[in-house]
Every structure is written in structure tokens, then in C-alpha cells.
Amino acid sequence: MAQVDVHITARDEQVDKPWIWRLSRDFNLVVNIVRANVDADMGWIHLRLDGPVEEIQRATAFLNQSGMHVDAKQRSVQAG
């Protein structure tokens, strides 16, 4: 299992999309909101993603393909 903190920036139409819901529904991850600031036309969010490395990679690829800017901030791998 891995834990990755990501900083995501969303603009315009991405702000209104339910992409956090998609992360928790479509990927085998626990998604925690650490901090966020969202307005009508722009927002950023700091998420903590917990789960298999492959699922975190798939989720961040999904976010990038959706037009959001994703930066990994911190990574840790938990023995399991």
C-alpha cells in the first residue's frame, strides 16, 4: 500500500465536475481532502490518496487526462 499527497489545480469546467467522487468510485483508493480552496472558475485541492501504487498512478493519469494539473507532494510506502 502507498500514500501520496497530491496538489491538484482545476480551472473553468473542471471545477464543476465530480472528479473527487470519481476517484473514490472508480479507483481502489481512500481519498482524503487535506486542504482546499475552490471558487466558481478556479480551485486547488490537496488530497491524500491511500491504496495500491498502480491505482494511484491510474487515478493521477485520469486527473491529468481530464485537464487538471497534478503535482505529487509527498510519497510513502507502507509495509503490508
C-alpha atoms as a PDB file:
ATOM      1  CA  MET A   1       0.000   0.000   0.000  1.00  0.00           C
ATOM      2  CA  ALA A   2       1.132   3.546  -0.671  1.00  0.00           C
ATOM      3  CA  GLN A   3       0.156   7.007   0.446  1.00  0.00           C
ATOM      4  CA  VAL A   4       0.643  10.002  -1.831  1.00  0.00           C
ATOM      5  CA  ASP A   5      -0.166  13.652  -1.201  1.00  0.00           C
ATOM      6  CA  VAL A   6      -1.121  15.443  -4.408  1.00  0.00           C
ATOM      7  CA  HIS A   7      -1.863  19.079  -5.150  1.00  0.00           C
ATOM      8  CA  ILE A   8      -4.459  19.466  -7.903  1.00  0.00           C
ATOM      9  CA  THR A   9      -5.377  22.654  -9.738  1.00  0.00           C
ATOM     10  CA  ALA A  10      -8.673  22.776 -11.611  1.00  0.00           C
ATOM     11  CA  ARG A  11      -9.879  25.543 -13.915  1.00  0.00           C
ATOM     12  CA  ASP A  12     -13.138  26.539 -15.546  1.00  0.00           C
ATOM     13  CA  GLU A  13     -15.288  23.483 -16.390  1.00  0.00           C
ATOM     14  CA  GLN A  14     -13.228  21.086 -14.238  1.00  0.00           C
ATOM     15  CA  VAL A  15     -14.282  22.969 -11.085  1.00  0.00           C
ATOM     16  CA  ASP A  16     -17.902  21.828 -11.557  1.00  0.00           C
ATOM     17  CA  LYS A  17     -17.104  18.174 -12.343  1.00  0.00           C
ATOM     18  CA  PRO A  18     -17.446  15.469  -9.644  1.00  0.00           C
ATOM     19  CA  TRP A  19     -13.849  14.244 -10.037  1.00  0.00           C
ATOM     20  CA  ILE A  20     -13.266  13.605  -6.316  1.00  0.00           C
ATOM     21  CA  TRP A  21     -16.318  11.338  -6.354  1.00  0.00           C
ATOM     22  CA  ARG A  22     -14.891   9.608  -9.448  1.00  0.00           C
ATOM     23  CA  LEU A  23     -11.591   8.996  -7.645  1.00  0.00           C
ATOM     24  CA  SER A  24     -13.330   7.261  -4.765  1.00  0.00           C
ATOM     25  CA  ARG A  25     -15.738   5.323  -7.000  1.00  0.00           C
ATOM     26  CA  ASP A  26     -13.605   4.300  -9.977  1.00  0.00           C
ATOM     27  CA  PHE A  27     -10.301   3.551  -8.247  1.00  0.00           C
ATOM     28  CA  ASN A  28      -9.417   1.318  -5.307  1.00  0.00           C
ATOM     29  CA  LEU A  29      -8.345   4.285  -3.157  1.00  0.00           C
ATOM     30  CA  VAL A  30      -9.144   6.059   0.068  1.00  0.00           C
ATOM     31  CA  VAL A  31      -9.350   9.772  -0.787  1.00  0.00           C
ATOM     32  CA  ASN A  32      -8.869  12.343   1.985  1.00  0.00           C
ATOM     33  CA  ILE A  33      -9.203  16.094   1.483  1.00  0.00           C
ATOM     34  CA  VAL A  34      -6.374  17.737   3.414  1.00  0.00           C
ATOM     35  CA  ARG A  35      -6.928  21.336   2.326  1.00  0.00           C
ATOM     36  CA  ALA A  36      -8.800  23.119  -0.458  1.00  0.00           C
ATOM     37  CA  ASN A  37      -9.776  26.470  -1.912  1.00  0.00           C
ATOM     38  CA  VAL A  38     -12.393  26.387  -4.666  1.00  0.00           C
ATOM     39  CA  ASP A  39     -14.124  29.288  -6.412  1.00  0.00           C
ATOM     40  CA  ALA A  40     -16.508  29.352  -9.374  1.00  0.00           C
ATOM     41  CA  ASP A  41     -13.762  29.413 -12.033  1.00  0.00           C
ATOM     42  CA  MET A  42     -10.648  28.019 -10.329  1.00  0.00           C
ATOM     43  CA  GLY A  43      -9.688  25.862  -7.413  1.00  0.00           C
ATOM     44  CA  TRP A  44      -6.921  23.881  -5.834  1.00  0.00           C
ATOM     45  CA  ILE A  45      -7.108  20.925  -3.546  1.00  0.00           C
ATOM     46  CA  HIS A  46      -4.577  18.954  -1.531  1.00  0.00           C
ATOM     47  CA  LEU A  47      -5.585  15.288  -1.451  1.00  0.00           C
ATOM     48  CA  ARG A  48      -4.085  12.292   0.300  1.00  0.00           C
ATOM     49  CA  LEU A  49      -4.513   9.118  -1.760  1.00  0.00           C
ATOM     50  CA  ASP A  50      -4.127   5.769   0.022  1.00  0.00           C
ATOM     51  CA  GLY A  51      -4.075   2.498  -1.883  1.00  0.00           C
ATOM     52  CA  PRO A  52      -2.107   0.334  -4.286  1.00  0.00           C
ATOM     53  CA  VAL A  53       0.590   2.169  -6.251  1.00  0.00           C
ATOM     54  CA  GLU A  54      -0.995   1.090  -9.547  1.00  0.00           C
ATOM     55  CA  GLU A  55      -4.353   2.627  -8.571  1.00  0.00           C
ATOM     56  CA  ILE A  56      -2.708   5.894  -7.532  1.00  0.00           C
ATOM     57  CA  GLN A  57      -0.938   6.003 -10.897  1.00  0.00           C
ATOM     58  CA  ARG A  58      -4.194   5.297 -12.746  1.00  0.00           C
ATOM     59  CA  ALA A  59      -6.003   7.980 -10.739  1.00  0.00           C
ATOM     60  CA  THR A  60      -3.377  10.662 -11.375  1.00  0.00           C
ATOM     61  CA  ALA A  61      -3.368   9.763 -15.090  1.00  0.00           C
ATOM     62  CA  PHE A  62      -7.170  10.175 -15.104  1.00  0.00           C
ATOM     63  CA  LEU A  63      -6.837  13.616 -13.482  1.00  0.00           C
ATOM     64  CA  ASN A  64      -4.190  14.713 -15.992  1.00  0.00           C
ATOM     65  CA  GLN A  65      -6.280  13.457 -18.915  1.00  0.00           C
ATOM     66  CA  SER A  66      -9.239  15.406 -17.510  1.00  0.00           C
ATOM     67  CA  GLY A  67      -7.246  18.625 -17.904  1.00  0.00           C
ATOM     68  CA  MET A  68      -6.173  19.161 -14.323  1.00  0.00           C
ATOM     69  CA  HIS A  69      -2.668  19.963 -13.171  1.00  0.00           C
ATOM     70  CA  VAL A  70      -1.388  17.358 -10.678  1.00  0.00           C
ATOM     71  CA  ASP A  71       1.762  17.622  -8.543  1.00  0.00           C
ATOM     72  CA  ALA A  72       2.824  14.810  -6.211  1.00  0.00           C
ATOM     73  CA  LYS A  73       3.951  16.370  -2.941  1.00  0.00           C
ATOM     74  CA  GLN A  74       4.855  13.501  -0.642  1.00  0.00           C
ATOM     75  CA  ARG A  75       5.064   9.746  -1.035  1.00  0.00           C
ATOM     76  CA  SER A  76       5.313   6.934   1.465  1.00  0.00           C
ATOM     77  CA  VAL A  77       5.019   3.205   1.089  1.00  0.00           C
ATOM     78  CA  GLN A  78       3.572   1.225   3.965  1.00  0.00           C
ATOM     79  CA  ALA A  79       4.686  -2.343   4.585  1.00  0.00           C
ATOM     80  CA  GLY A  80       1.831  -4.703   4.288  1.00  0.00           C
END
